[in-house]
Every structure is written in structure tokens, then in C-alpha cells.
Amino acid sequence: MRSYLDFEKPVAELEAKADELRALEAKGEGYSLSEEIGKLDAKASQALKDLYAQLTPWQKTLVARHPQRPHFKDYCAALIDEFTPMAGDRAFGEDEAIVGGFGRFRGEPVCVIGQEKGSTTETRIRHNFGMAKPEGYRKAVRLMELADRFGLPVLSFVDTAGAYPGIEAEERGQAEAIARSTDACLGLRTPSVALVIGEGGSGGAIAIAAASRVMMLEHAIYSVISPEGAASILWRDTARAQDAATGMKITAQDLLKFGVIDRIVTEPMGGAHRDPDAAIGRASDAIASALSDFAGVEPEAIVARRAEKFLAIGRNL
């Protein structure tokens, strides 16, 4: 069953009316409602197009968090063949907020790392809503080091509200783990591609997103702090999250202008949750294109290009 966001109410009403007419027509009482249904479908489609043509940063935040939006495991299942997951950081334990392993992307071996939020109550709890603890980032480092040793590209799928802020995470060295993971990303001698598929929250995101190519889905967000967190700090009022979202420039469109990301991957009309297969297909093409840019490039040049890319962000802002 499709879930609607508050600002999508006009579309929801039109689609509900169309569904009612389809139900009546299906009863087979001898009359056709096809024309009326077609008109309602056309109105709903146009209303959706108009809405998504002028989304505010806060509305994009809501779309990025949509519960039916495809998650990392959906991308992994569709894009990676022969996926073999790896568990544990070889120091403390396993953290299922970050899922990673090795497989084949379009026939070529790759390392894949992604943040998984979960799609049901049970899986959300198991994956801790995509908020990793230190052992999750240390697992990511372990995977990146293996990829570097065997010359495998690294694909990262970013979707987290941020690193887990609990006391136990801080006790186990959360900041140090994030820093080491970011450093591992920057030091990779193989090509790396990061795609923000939902939320790219703070250090929890950059820890696996400091890549050779950083891309975002059209309605994803990428920020140093959540809009609610920023509103709480600036105004002591989380109700002003919409103001914070606007001022923070967290949308893919703003970040492309600033040079923080390299490419926007367009989503199906109405967001990735309306047509996950199409969204994942477009992501696949974008990843393949990004990897092709590094064909034949020497490891030293890959490291240098990545360093220059991130240093340039500070120079240009």
C-alpha cells in the first residue's frame, strides 16, 4: 500500500478517487468508467509533477526519509551478483547498521559497503536505523583495506541520519573510528564511488563517502547535521527544522553548485519510492559511468585526484 507524505495530499485524493472508480468498474455491473479514470490519472500525474518540480529543502528531507524508499539491501540485491557479506571488525563485534562485502557489479569484482536502515520494525531495530557504532566503521575500514590489497573498486551507498550518539559508542571511540574510516576512503589506491540514496548525515555519512566520485539521488539530502539538530542548537526549537533545512543548503542541487558532489542521479517522478526498479537502474548507469572514468588510471593518480577533489571544495567555497 502506497504511503503519502503530508504535502502530497492533493495527489493522494485524486489517486484515491481513481482507485474507487476502478473498484466499481471491477464489479462488472455493465458500464465502463475508463474515461473518468483516465482523466483522474492524468490530473494526479500532473499534480505530482507540479509538486515535485518545486519541492522545498524540507520537503526533500521528507522524501529522502520516506519509509518506502529503496534501501541499501535493495540496491545490493539488484546490482551486485555473487554478493558475499563480511561481518565483524575483528576487534569488538558486528554492527549491522553497516553492511558490506564483495561481489560483482556488471561482471566486475567490487567491494560494496552500505548503511542499512531496515524496512520493518524488526529489521530497523536489528540495523539500528542505519546509525553505526565504532565497530561498524572499523568493519568498513577492514573491507576497504582488503579491497585496496586486491585492487578492487569500492562502492558506497550512504543512507544514515548520522553515527549512533549513544554513550557506549563514545566509550568505544566513535570519533576515532569515523576519522579512520574517512582516512581509509581518502587513501584508497583504487577507484571509489559513493552514492547518497537517502540521508547523508554528518560524519556518519562522510566516513564511507569520501570517494573519488560522490553522487546523490535527486531528492536525497547531505548535511553536517540534521535540520532538527541544527534548529535545536540555533533556536532551541526543533519546530524550526524547515528554516534550518533551507539555510543549510542540504539538497543535491545546492551541493552540486558548491562542488561538494559530482553528479545528481535523477529519480522517477514522485521519488524513488514510486518506482524503485527505475531508480536503481538509473543508479546503476551512473555508477558504471563513474567507474569508467578511472579505467587505466594509475593508483597514485587515483589518490592524487581524490585528494585534489576534496581540497578544492574548501578553496571554492
C-alpha atoms as a PDB file:
ATOM      1  CA  MET A   1       0.000   0.000   0.000  1.00  0.00           C
ATOM      2  CA  ARG A   2       1.380   3.380  -1.016  1.00  0.00           C
ATOM      3  CA  SER A   3       2.243   5.826   1.761  1.00  0.00           C
ATOM      4  CA  TYR A   4       1.813   9.562   1.151  1.00  0.00           C
ATOM      5  CA  LEU A   5       3.642  12.491   2.674  1.00  0.00           C
ATOM      6  CA  ASP A   6       1.626  15.426   4.052  1.00  0.00           C
ATOM      7  CA  PHE A   7       2.396  17.716   1.121  1.00  0.00           C
ATOM      8  CA  GLU A   8       1.228  15.008  -1.308  1.00  0.00           C
ATOM      9  CA  LYS A   9      -2.381  15.200  -0.071  1.00  0.00           C
ATOM     10  CA  PRO A  10      -3.784  16.604  -3.368  1.00  0.00           C
ATOM     11  CA  VAL A  11      -2.242  13.685  -5.261  1.00  0.00           C
ATOM     12  CA  ALA A  12      -3.469  11.191  -2.675  1.00  0.00           C
ATOM     13  CA  GLU A  13      -7.062  12.411  -3.033  1.00  0.00           C
ATOM     14  CA  LEU A  14      -7.024  12.155  -6.836  1.00  0.00           C
ATOM     15  CA  GLU A  15      -5.461   8.686  -6.812  1.00  0.00           C
ATOM     16  CA  ALA A  16      -7.930   7.526  -4.159  1.00  0.00           C
ATOM     17  CA  LYS A  17     -10.856   8.620  -6.336  1.00  0.00           C
ATOM     18  CA  ALA A  18      -9.358   6.825  -9.341  1.00  0.00           C
ATOM     19  CA  ASP A  19      -8.942   3.663  -7.267  1.00  0.00           C
ATOM     20  CA  GLU A  20     -12.573   3.868  -6.134  1.00  0.00           C
ATOM     21  CA  LEU A  21     -13.727   4.043  -9.740  1.00  0.00           C
ATOM     22  CA  ARG A  22     -11.508   1.087 -10.652  1.00  0.00           C
ATOM     23  CA  ALA A  23     -13.092  -0.898  -7.844  1.00  0.00           C
ATOM     24  CA  LEU A  24     -16.576  -0.053  -9.120  1.00  0.00           C
ATOM     25  CA  GLU A  25     -15.622  -0.976 -12.673  1.00  0.00           C
ATOM     26  CA  ALA A  26     -14.134  -4.256 -11.489  1.00  0.00           C
ATOM     27  CA  LYS A  27     -17.512  -5.303 -10.070  1.00  0.00           C
ATOM     28  CA  GLY A  28     -18.614  -5.692 -13.676  1.00  0.00           C
ATOM     29  CA  GLU A  29     -22.031  -4.048 -13.479  1.00  0.00           C
ATOM     30  CA  GLY A  30     -22.112  -3.430 -17.198  1.00  0.00           C
ATOM     31  CA  TYR A  31     -20.747   0.109 -17.518  1.00  0.00           C
ATOM     32  CA  SER A  32     -17.288   1.491 -18.219  1.00  0.00           C
ATOM     33  CA  LEU A  33     -15.553   4.175 -16.181  1.00  0.00           C
ATOM     34  CA  SER A  34     -12.344   4.119 -18.195  1.00  0.00           C
ATOM     35  CA  GLU A  35     -12.687   7.688 -19.426  1.00  0.00           C
ATOM     36  CA  GLU A  36     -13.250   9.110 -15.940  1.00  0.00           C
ATOM     37  CA  ILE A  37     -10.396   7.019 -14.549  1.00  0.00           C
ATOM     38  CA  GLY A  38      -8.083   8.232 -17.298  1.00  0.00           C
ATOM     39  CA  LYS A  39      -8.912  11.870 -16.518  1.00  0.00           C
ATOM     40  CA  LEU A  40      -8.250  11.373 -12.810  1.00  0.00           C
ATOM     41  CA  ASP A  41      -4.972   9.580 -13.519  1.00  0.00           C
ATOM     42  CA  ALA A  42      -3.886  12.443 -15.773  1.00  0.00           C
ATOM     43  CA  LYS A  43      -4.780  15.023 -13.118  1.00  0.00           C
ATOM     44  CA  ALA A  44      -2.935  13.060 -10.442  1.00  0.00           C
ATOM     45  CA  SER A  45       0.138  12.720 -12.653  1.00  0.00           C
ATOM     46  CA  GLN A  46       0.182  16.448 -13.420  1.00  0.00           C
ATOM     47  CA  ALA A  47      -0.342  17.344  -9.761  1.00  0.00           C
ATOM     48  CA  LEU A  48       2.577  15.096  -8.801  1.00  0.00           C
ATOM     49  CA  LYS A  49       4.765  16.630 -11.487  1.00  0.00           C
ATOM     50  CA  ASP A  50       3.914  20.160 -10.329  1.00  0.00           C
ATOM     51  CA  LEU A  51       4.612  19.293  -6.697  1.00  0.00           C
ATOM     52  CA  TYR A  52       7.981  17.676  -7.345  1.00  0.00           C
ATOM     53  CA  ALA A  53       9.087  20.467  -9.665  1.00  0.00           C
ATOM     54  CA  GLN A  54       9.193  22.892  -6.738  1.00  0.00           C
ATOM     55  CA  LEU A  55       9.990  20.902  -3.612  1.00  0.00           C
ATOM     56  CA  THR A  56      11.385  22.898  -0.711  1.00  0.00           C
ATOM     57  CA  PRO A  57      14.508  21.643   1.090  1.00  0.00           C
ATOM     58  CA  TRP A  58      12.303  20.427   3.950  1.00  0.00           C
ATOM     59  CA  GLN A  59      10.019  18.545   1.591  1.00  0.00           C
ATOM     60  CA  LYS A  60      13.076  16.923   0.009  1.00  0.00           C
ATOM     61  CA  THR A  61      14.137  15.893   3.513  1.00  0.00           C
ATOM     62  CA  LEU A  62      10.787  14.158   3.971  1.00  0.00           C
ATOM     63  CA  VAL A  63      11.137  12.403   0.611  1.00  0.00           C
ATOM     64  CA  ALA A  64      14.681  11.294   1.490  1.00  0.00           C
ATOM     65  CA  ARG A  65      13.295   9.731   4.676  1.00  0.00           C
ATOM     66  CA  HIS A  66      10.275   8.094   3.043  1.00  0.00           C
ATOM     67  CA  PRO A  67       9.817   4.634   4.621  1.00  0.00           C
ATOM     68  CA  GLN A  68       9.131   3.016   1.239  1.00  0.00           C
ATOM     69  CA  ARG A  69      12.250   4.423  -0.403  1.00  0.00           C
ATOM     70  CA  PRO A  70      14.604   1.642  -1.588  1.00  0.00           C
ATOM     71  CA  HIS A  71      17.370   0.913   0.919  1.00  0.00           C
ATOM     72  CA  PHE A  72      20.896  -0.396   0.545  1.00  0.00           C
ATOM     73  CA  LYS A  73      19.857  -4.048   0.530  1.00  0.00           C
ATOM     74  CA  ASP A  74      17.503  -3.339  -2.386  1.00  0.00           C
ATOM     75  CA  TYR A  75      20.359  -1.806  -4.385  1.00  0.00           C
ATOM     76  CA  CYS A  76      22.730  -4.595  -3.420  1.00  0.00           C
ATOM     77  CA  ALA A  77      20.275  -7.338  -4.401  1.00  0.00           C
ATOM     78  CA  ALA A  78      19.591  -5.719  -7.782  1.00  0.00           C
ATOM     79  CA  LEU A  79      23.086  -4.566  -8.733  1.00  0.00           C
ATOM     80  CA  ILE A  80      25.562  -6.968  -7.141  1.00  0.00           C
ATOM     81  CA  ASP A  81      25.890 -10.574  -8.256  1.00  0.00           C
ATOM     82  CA  GLU A  82      27.500 -13.252  -6.095  1.00  0.00           C
ATOM     83  CA  PHE A  83      27.427 -10.923  -3.092  1.00  0.00           C
ATOM     84  CA  THR A  84      29.335 -12.353  -0.119  1.00  0.00           C
ATOM     85  CA  PRO A  85      28.780 -10.343   3.094  1.00  0.00           C
ATOM     86  CA  MET A  86      31.567  -9.926   5.639  1.00  0.00           C
ATOM     87  CA  ALA A  87      30.866  -9.470   9.342  1.00  0.00           C
ATOM     88  CA  GLY A  88      32.733  -8.052  12.321  1.00  0.00           C
ATOM     89  CA  ASP A  89      35.559  -5.601  12.850  1.00  0.00           C
ATOM     90  CA  ARG A  90      37.990  -8.194  14.314  1.00  0.00           C
ATOM     91  CA  ALA A  91      38.215  -6.036  17.435  1.00  0.00           C
ATOM     92  CA  PHE A  92      34.845  -5.827  19.215  1.00  0.00           C
ATOM     93  CA  GLY A  93      31.941  -7.278  17.282  1.00  0.00           C
ATOM     94  CA  GLU A  94      29.450  -6.988  14.443  1.00  0.00           C
ATOM     95  CA  ASP A  95      27.409  -3.884  13.627  1.00  0.00           C
ATOM     96  CA  GLU A  96      24.564  -4.466  11.194  1.00  0.00           C
ATOM     97  CA  ALA A  97      23.988  -0.756  10.635  1.00  0.00           C
ATOM     98  CA  ILE A  98      26.742  -1.059   8.038  1.00  0.00           C
ATOM     99  CA  VAL A  99      26.531  -3.992   5.652  1.00  0.00           C
ATOM    100  CA  GLY A 100      29.469  -4.805   3.422  1.00  0.00           C
ATOM    101  CA  GLY A 101      31.152  -7.468   1.408  1.00  0.00           C
ATOM    102  CA  PHE A 102      32.333  -8.438  -2.046  1.00  0.00           C
ATOM    103  CA  GLY A 103      30.569  -9.308  -5.267  1.00  0.00           C
ATOM    104  CA  ARG A 104      30.346  -8.440  -8.945  1.00  0.00           C
ATOM    105  CA  PHE A 105      28.964  -5.264 -10.471  1.00  0.00           C
ATOM    106  CA  ARG A 106      28.204  -5.796 -14.160  1.00  0.00           C
ATOM    107  CA  GLY A 107      30.555  -8.751 -14.126  1.00  0.00           C
ATOM    108  CA  GLU A 108      33.482  -6.971 -12.467  1.00  0.00           C
ATOM    109  CA  PRO A 109      34.594  -7.725  -8.870  1.00  0.00           C
ATOM    110  CA  VAL A 110      33.953  -4.915  -6.383  1.00  0.00           C
ATOM    111  CA  CYS A 111      33.789  -4.159  -2.674  1.00  0.00           C
ATOM    112  CA  VAL A 112      30.375  -2.913  -1.559  1.00  0.00           C
ATOM    113  CA  ILE A 113      29.620  -1.005   1.656  1.00  0.00           C
ATOM    114  CA  GLY A 114      26.271   0.474   2.636  1.00  0.00           C
ATOM    115  CA  GLN A 115      24.225   1.761   5.532  1.00  0.00           C
ATOM    116  CA  GLU A 116      21.004  -0.181   6.003  1.00  0.00           C
ATOM    117  CA  LYS A 117      18.083   1.363   7.904  1.00  0.00           C
ATOM    118  CA  GLY A 118      15.736  -1.621   7.724  1.00  0.00           C
ATOM    119  CA  SER A 119      12.184  -1.655   6.388  1.00  0.00           C
ATOM    120  CA  THR A 120      10.203  -3.294   9.206  1.00  0.00           C
ATOM    121  CA  THR A 121      10.184  -2.785  12.957  1.00  0.00           C
ATOM    122  CA  GLU A 122      12.293  -5.896  13.443  1.00  0.00           C
ATOM    123  CA  THR A 123      14.892  -5.027  10.803  1.00  0.00           C
ATOM    124  CA  ARG A 124      15.067  -1.373  11.861  1.00  0.00           C
ATOM    125  CA  ILE A 125      15.967  -2.440  15.373  1.00  0.00           C
ATOM    126  CA  ARG A 126      18.477  -5.004  14.101  1.00  0.00           C
ATOM    127  CA  HIS A 127      20.162  -2.439  11.849  1.00  0.00           C
ATOM    128  CA  ASN A 128      19.851   0.311  14.477  1.00  0.00           C
ATOM    129  CA  PHE A 129      18.073   2.546  11.928  1.00  0.00           C
ATOM    130  CA  GLY A 130      21.274   2.789   9.908  1.00  0.00           C
ATOM    131  CA  MET A 131      23.181   4.555  12.705  1.00  0.00           C
ATOM    132  CA  ALA A 132      26.541   2.815  13.016  1.00  0.00           C
ATOM    133  CA  LYS A 133      28.684   2.347  16.092  1.00  0.00           C
ATOM    134  CA  PRO A 134      32.511   2.291  16.060  1.00  0.00           C
ATOM    135  CA  GLU A 135      32.640  -1.388  15.145  1.00  0.00           C
ATOM    136  CA  GLY A 136      30.607  -0.613  12.020  1.00  0.00           C
ATOM    137  CA  TYR A 137      33.156   1.929  10.789  1.00  0.00           C
ATOM    138  CA  ARG A 138      36.030  -0.362  11.723  1.00  0.00           C
ATOM    139  CA  LYS A 139      34.396  -3.085   9.664  1.00  0.00           C
ATOM    140  CA  ALA A 140      34.211  -0.626   6.763  1.00  0.00           C
ATOM    141  CA  VAL A 141      37.939   0.073   7.174  1.00  0.00           C
ATOM    142  CA  ARG A 142      38.684  -3.652   7.153  1.00  0.00           C
ATOM    143  CA  LEU A 143      36.743  -4.080   3.910  1.00  0.00           C
ATOM    144  CA  MET A 144      38.396  -1.083   2.258  1.00  0.00           C
ATOM    145  CA  GLU A 145      41.845  -2.373   3.191  1.00  0.00           C
ATOM    146  CA  LEU A 146      41.007  -5.742   1.642  1.00  0.00           C
ATOM    147  CA  ALA A 147      39.709  -4.035  -1.492  1.00  0.00           C
ATOM    148  CA  ASP A 148      42.869  -1.950  -1.726  1.00  0.00           C
ATOM    149  CA  ARG A 149      45.064  -5.021  -1.314  1.00  0.00           C
ATOM    150  CA  PHE A 150      43.378  -6.792  -4.224  1.00  0.00           C
ATOM    151  CA  GLY A 151      42.836  -3.730  -6.417  1.00  0.00           C
ATOM    152  CA  LEU A 152      39.034  -3.740  -6.263  1.00  0.00           C
ATOM    153  CA  PRO A 153      36.850  -0.649  -6.734  1.00  0.00           C
ATOM    154  CA  VAL A 154      34.775   0.344  -3.704  1.00  0.00           C
ATOM    155  CA  LEU A 155      31.077   1.228  -3.992  1.00  0.00           C
ATOM    156  CA  SER A 156      29.456   3.003  -1.036  1.00  0.00           C
ATOM    157  CA  PHE A 157      25.725   3.525  -0.546  1.00  0.00           C
ATOM    158  CA  VAL A 158      25.013   6.242   2.006  1.00  0.00           C
ATOM    159  CA  ASP A 159      21.759   6.361   3.957  1.00  0.00           C
ATOM    160  CA  THR A 160      22.011   7.396   7.595  1.00  0.00           C
ATOM    161  CA  ALA A 161      20.715  10.097   9.899  1.00  0.00           C
ATOM    162  CA  GLY A 162      24.199  10.058  11.446  1.00  0.00           C
ATOM    163  CA  ALA A 163      26.509   7.944  13.540  1.00  0.00           C
ATOM    164  CA  TYR A 164      24.974   6.433  16.673  1.00  0.00           C
ATOM    165  CA  PRO A 165      25.268   9.011  19.506  1.00  0.00           C
ATOM    166  CA  GLY A 166      24.928   6.616  22.460  1.00  0.00           C
ATOM    167  CA  ILE A 167      27.258   6.543  25.447  1.00  0.00           C
ATOM    168  CA  GLU A 168      28.603   3.079  24.624  1.00  0.00           C
ATOM    169  CA  ALA A 169      29.585   4.253  21.125  1.00  0.00           C
ATOM    170  CA  GLU A 170      31.502   7.184  22.573  1.00  0.00           C
ATOM    171  CA  GLU A 171      33.187   4.892  25.102  1.00  0.00           C
ATOM    172  CA  ARG A 172      34.421   2.684  22.266  1.00  0.00           C
ATOM    173  CA  GLY A 173      35.878   5.597  20.298  1.00  0.00           C
ATOM    174  CA  GLN A 174      33.203   6.767  17.874  1.00  0.00           C
ATOM    175  CA  ALA A 175      35.045   9.890  16.695  1.00  0.00           C
ATOM    176  CA  GLU A 176      38.307   7.990  16.170  1.00  0.00           C
ATOM    177  CA  ALA A 177      36.535   5.233  14.233  1.00  0.00           C
ATOM    178  CA  ILE A 178      34.832   7.769  11.933  1.00  0.00           C
ATOM    179  CA  ALA A 179      38.134   9.581  11.367  1.00  0.00           C
ATOM    180  CA  ARG A 180      39.952   6.346  10.490  1.00  0.00           C
ATOM    181  CA  SER A 181      37.187   5.302   8.111  1.00  0.00           C
ATOM    182  CA  THR A 182      37.308   8.685   6.372  1.00  0.00           C
ATOM    183  CA  ASP A 183      41.086   8.405   6.140  1.00  0.00           C
ATOM    184  CA  ALA A 184      40.775   4.911   4.659  1.00  0.00           C
ATOM    185  CA  CYS A 185      38.400   6.277   1.993  1.00  0.00           C
ATOM    186  CA  LEU A 186      40.798   9.066   1.081  1.00  0.00           C
ATOM    187  CA  GLY A 187      43.802   6.754   0.922  1.00  0.00           C
ATOM    188  CA  LEU A 188      42.308   4.096  -1.357  1.00  0.00           C
ATOM    189  CA  ARG A 189      44.524   3.335  -4.343  1.00  0.00           C
ATOM    190  CA  THR A 190      41.511   2.014  -6.226  1.00  0.00           C
ATOM    191  CA  PRO A 191      38.518   3.942  -7.660  1.00  0.00           C
ATOM    192  CA  SER A 192      35.684   4.608  -5.231  1.00  0.00           C
ATOM    193  CA  VAL A 193      32.124   5.753  -5.894  1.00  0.00           C
ATOM    194  CA  ALA A 194      29.723   6.933  -3.200  1.00  0.00           C
ATOM    195  CA  LEU A 195      26.009   7.380  -3.804  1.00  0.00           C
ATOM    196  CA  VAL A 196      23.746   9.102  -1.273  1.00  0.00           C
ATOM    197  CA  ILE A 197      20.454   7.235  -1.669  1.00  0.00           C
ATOM    198  CA  GLY A 198      18.534   8.835   1.207  1.00  0.00           C
ATOM    199  CA  GLU A 199      20.004  10.766   4.102  1.00  0.00           C
ATOM    200  CA  GLY A 200      23.677  11.640   4.233  1.00  0.00           C
ATOM    201  CA  GLY A 201      24.003  12.635   7.845  1.00  0.00           C
ATOM    202  CA  SER A 202      27.164  14.199   9.272  1.00  0.00           C
ATOM    203  CA  GLY A 203      30.301  12.173   9.983  1.00  0.00           C
ATOM    204  CA  GLY A 204      28.225   9.024   9.820  1.00  0.00           C
ATOM    205  CA  ALA A 205      27.953   9.643   6.078  1.00  0.00           C
ATOM    206  CA  ILE A 206      31.356  11.095   5.233  1.00  0.00           C
ATOM    207  CA  ALA A 207      33.035   8.091   6.883  1.00  0.00           C
ATOM    208  CA  ILE A 208      32.168   5.992   3.824  1.00  0.00           C
ATOM    209  CA  ALA A 209      31.539   8.800   1.319  1.00  0.00           C
ATOM    210  CA  ALA A 210      34.963  10.414   0.883  1.00  0.00           C
ATOM    211  CA  ALA A 211      35.142   8.871  -2.566  1.00  0.00           C
ATOM    212  CA  SER A 212      36.640   9.540  -5.987  1.00  0.00           C
ATOM    213  CA  ARG A 213      33.123  10.303  -7.215  1.00  0.00           C
ATOM    214  CA  VAL A 214      30.326  11.422  -4.905  1.00  0.00           C
ATOM    215  CA  MET A 215      26.798  11.320  -6.302  1.00  0.00           C
ATOM    216  CA  MET A 216      23.325  11.898  -4.882  1.00  0.00           C
ATOM    217  CA  LEU A 217      19.868  10.842  -5.867  1.00  0.00           C
ATOM    218  CA  GLU A 218      17.757  13.813  -6.925  1.00  0.00           C
ATOM    219  CA  HIS A 219      15.753  14.008  -3.689  1.00  0.00           C
ATOM    220  CA  ALA A 220      18.423  12.842  -1.253  1.00  0.00           C
ATOM    221  CA  ILE A 221      19.985  15.158   1.340  1.00  0.00           C
ATOM    222  CA  TYR A 222      23.578  15.503   2.580  1.00  0.00           C
ATOM    223  CA  SER A 223      24.395  17.624   5.607  1.00  0.00           C
ATOM    224  CA  VAL A 224      26.670  18.141   8.594  1.00  0.00           C
ATOM    225  CA  ILE A 225      23.713  17.814  10.968  1.00  0.00           C
ATOM    226  CA  SER A 226      20.005  17.048  10.679  1.00  0.00           C
ATOM    227  CA  PRO A 227      17.640  20.023  10.235  1.00  0.00           C
ATOM    228  CA  GLU A 228      16.084  19.194  13.611  1.00  0.00           C
ATOM    229  CA  GLY A 229      19.515  19.126  15.269  1.00  0.00           C
ATOM    230  CA  ALA A 230      20.504  22.442  13.716  1.00  0.00           C
ATOM    231  CA  ALA A 231      17.222  24.060  14.780  1.00  0.00           C
ATOM    232  CA  SER A 232      17.713  22.792  18.322  1.00  0.00           C
ATOM    233  CA  ILE A 233      21.205  24.327  18.505  1.00  0.00           C
ATOM    234  CA  LEU A 234      20.447  27.618  16.755  1.00  0.00           C
ATOM    235  CA  TRP A 235      16.998  28.412  18.090  1.00  0.00           C
ATOM    236  CA  ARG A 236      16.394  25.873  20.876  1.00  0.00           C
ATOM    237  CA  ASP A 237      13.323  24.914  18.869  1.00  0.00           C
ATOM    238  CA  THR A 238      13.106  21.784  16.709  1.00  0.00           C
ATOM    239  CA  ALA A 239       9.888  23.154  15.193  1.00  0.00           C
ATOM    240  CA  ARG A 240      12.096  25.438  13.102  1.00  0.00           C
ATOM    241  CA  ALA A 241      13.618  22.480  11.261  1.00  0.00           C
ATOM    242  CA  GLN A 242      12.162  23.787   7.998  1.00  0.00           C
ATOM    243  CA  ASP A 243      14.087  27.056   8.399  1.00  0.00           C
ATOM    244  CA  ALA A 244      17.256  25.133   9.166  1.00  0.00           C
ATOM    245  CA  ALA A 245      16.835  22.876   6.138  1.00  0.00           C
ATOM    246  CA  THR A 246      16.531  25.921   3.878  1.00  0.00           C
ATOM    247  CA  GLY A 247      19.541  27.704   5.320  1.00  0.00           C
ATOM    248  CA  MET A 248      21.851  24.692   5.432  1.00  0.00           C
ATOM    249  CA  LYS A 249      21.812  24.032   1.653  1.00  0.00           C
ATOM    250  CA  ILE A 250      21.386  20.272   2.043  1.00  0.00           C
ATOM    251  CA  THR A 251      19.830  19.385  -1.311  1.00  0.00           C
ATOM    252  CA  ALA A 252      21.610  17.702  -4.185  1.00  0.00           C
ATOM    253  CA  GLN A 253      21.025  20.758  -6.358  1.00  0.00           C
ATOM    254  CA  ASP A 254      22.742  23.115  -3.885  1.00  0.00           C
ATOM    255  CA  LEU A 255      25.619  20.740  -3.220  1.00  0.00           C
ATOM    256  CA  LEU A 256      26.318  20.280  -6.928  1.00  0.00           C
ATOM    257  CA  LYS A 257      26.633  24.075  -7.269  1.00  0.00           C
ATOM    258  CA  PHE A 258      29.136  24.150  -4.405  1.00  0.00           C
ATOM    259  CA  GLY A 259      31.166  21.284  -5.857  1.00  0.00           C
ATOM    260  CA  VAL A 260      30.577  19.065  -2.845  1.00  0.00           C
ATOM    261  CA  ILE A 261      29.138  16.339  -5.086  1.00  0.00           C
ATOM    262  CA  ASP A 262      29.929  15.424  -8.673  1.00  0.00           C
ATOM    263  CA  ARG A 263      26.605  14.335 -10.109  1.00  0.00           C
ATOM    264  CA  ILE A 264      22.856  14.167  -9.459  1.00  0.00           C
ATOM    265  CA  VAL A 265      21.089  10.935 -10.358  1.00  0.00           C
ATOM    266  CA  THR A 266      17.523  11.714 -11.409  1.00  0.00           C
ATOM    267  CA  GLU A 267      14.667   9.873  -9.730  1.00  0.00           C
ATOM    268  CA  PRO A 268      11.368   8.689 -11.216  1.00  0.00           C
ATOM    269  CA  MET A 269       8.565  11.230 -10.976  1.00  0.00           C
ATOM    270  CA  GLY A 270       7.341  11.314  -7.392  1.00  0.00           C
ATOM    271  CA  GLY A 271      10.567   9.954  -5.919  1.00  0.00           C
ATOM    272  CA  ALA A 272      12.460   6.673  -5.855  1.00  0.00           C
ATOM    273  CA  HIS A 273       9.786   5.041  -3.693  1.00  0.00           C
ATOM    274  CA  ARG A 274       7.242   5.247  -6.538  1.00  0.00           C
ATOM    275  CA  ASP A 275       9.368   3.188  -8.912  1.00  0.00           C
ATOM    276  CA  PRO A 276      12.284   1.549  -7.081  1.00  0.00           C
ATOM    277  CA  ASP A 277      13.340  -0.526 -10.101  1.00  0.00           C
ATOM    278  CA  ALA A 278      13.727   2.554 -12.280  1.00  0.00           C
ATOM    279  CA  ALA A 279      15.609   4.415  -9.543  1.00  0.00           C
ATOM    280  CA  ILE A 280      18.014   1.521  -9.035  1.00  0.00           C
ATOM    281  CA  GLY A 281      18.524   1.196 -12.797  1.00  0.00           C
ATOM    282  CA  ARG A 282      19.494   4.860 -13.092  1.00  0.00           C
ATOM    283  CA  ALA A 283      21.856   4.481 -10.147  1.00  0.00           C
ATOM    284  CA  SER A 284      23.468   1.503 -11.864  1.00  0.00           C
ATOM    285  CA  ASP A 285      24.142   3.501 -15.023  1.00  0.00           C
ATOM    286  CA  ALA A 286      25.590   6.396 -13.020  1.00  0.00           C
ATOM    287  CA  ILE A 287      27.922   4.108 -11.060  1.00  0.00           C
ATOM    288  CA  ALA A 288      29.122   2.378 -14.237  1.00  0.00           C
ATOM    289  CA  SER A 289      29.797   5.748 -15.846  1.00  0.00           C
ATOM    290  CA  ALA A 290      31.759   6.959 -12.812  1.00  0.00           C
ATOM    291  CA  LEU A 291      33.904   3.819 -12.689  1.00  0.00           C
ATOM    292  CA  SER A 292      34.663   4.068 -16.405  1.00  0.00           C
ATOM    293  CA  ASP A 293      36.352   7.431 -15.791  1.00  0.00           C
ATOM    294  CA  PHE A 294      39.129   5.617 -13.940  1.00  0.00           C
ATOM    295  CA  ALA A 295      39.847   2.887 -16.458  1.00  0.00           C
ATOM    296  CA  GLY A 296      43.616   2.617 -16.858  1.00  0.00           C
ATOM    297  CA  VAL A 297      44.395   5.327 -14.267  1.00  0.00           C
ATOM    298  CA  GLU A 298      47.416   4.541 -12.079  1.00  0.00           C
ATOM    299  CA  PRO A 299      46.867   4.088  -8.316  1.00  0.00           C
ATOM    300  CA  GLU A 300      48.982   7.141  -7.437  1.00  0.00           C
ATOM    301  CA  ALA A 301      46.907   9.290  -9.776  1.00  0.00           C
ATOM    302  CA  ILE A 302      43.664   7.977  -8.250  1.00  0.00           C
ATOM    303  CA  VAL A 303      44.804   9.021  -4.774  1.00  0.00           C
ATOM    304  CA  ALA A 304      46.004  12.421  -6.024  1.00  0.00           C
ATOM    305  CA  ARG A 305      42.767  13.149  -7.889  1.00  0.00           C
ATOM    306  CA  ARG A 306      40.684  12.271  -4.852  1.00  0.00           C
ATOM    307  CA  ALA A 307      42.789  14.495  -2.604  1.00  0.00           C
ATOM    308  CA  GLU A 308      42.562  17.389  -5.032  1.00  0.00           C
ATOM    309  CA  LYS A 309      38.804  16.949  -5.312  1.00  0.00           C
ATOM    310  CA  PHE A 310      38.254  17.421  -1.582  1.00  0.00           C
ATOM    311  CA  LEU A 311      40.855  20.161  -1.166  1.00  0.00           C
ATOM    312  CA  ALA A 312      39.152  22.098  -3.956  1.00  0.00           C
ATOM    313  CA  ILE A 313      35.875  22.189  -2.017  1.00  0.00           C
ATOM    314  CA  GLY A 314      37.466  24.369   0.675  1.00  0.00           C
ATOM    315  CA  ARG A 315      39.175  26.603  -1.872  1.00  0.00           C
ATOM    316  CA  ASN A 316      35.997  27.261  -3.829  1.00  0.00           C
ATOM    317  CA  LEU A 317      33.547  27.947  -1.014  1.00  0.00           C
END
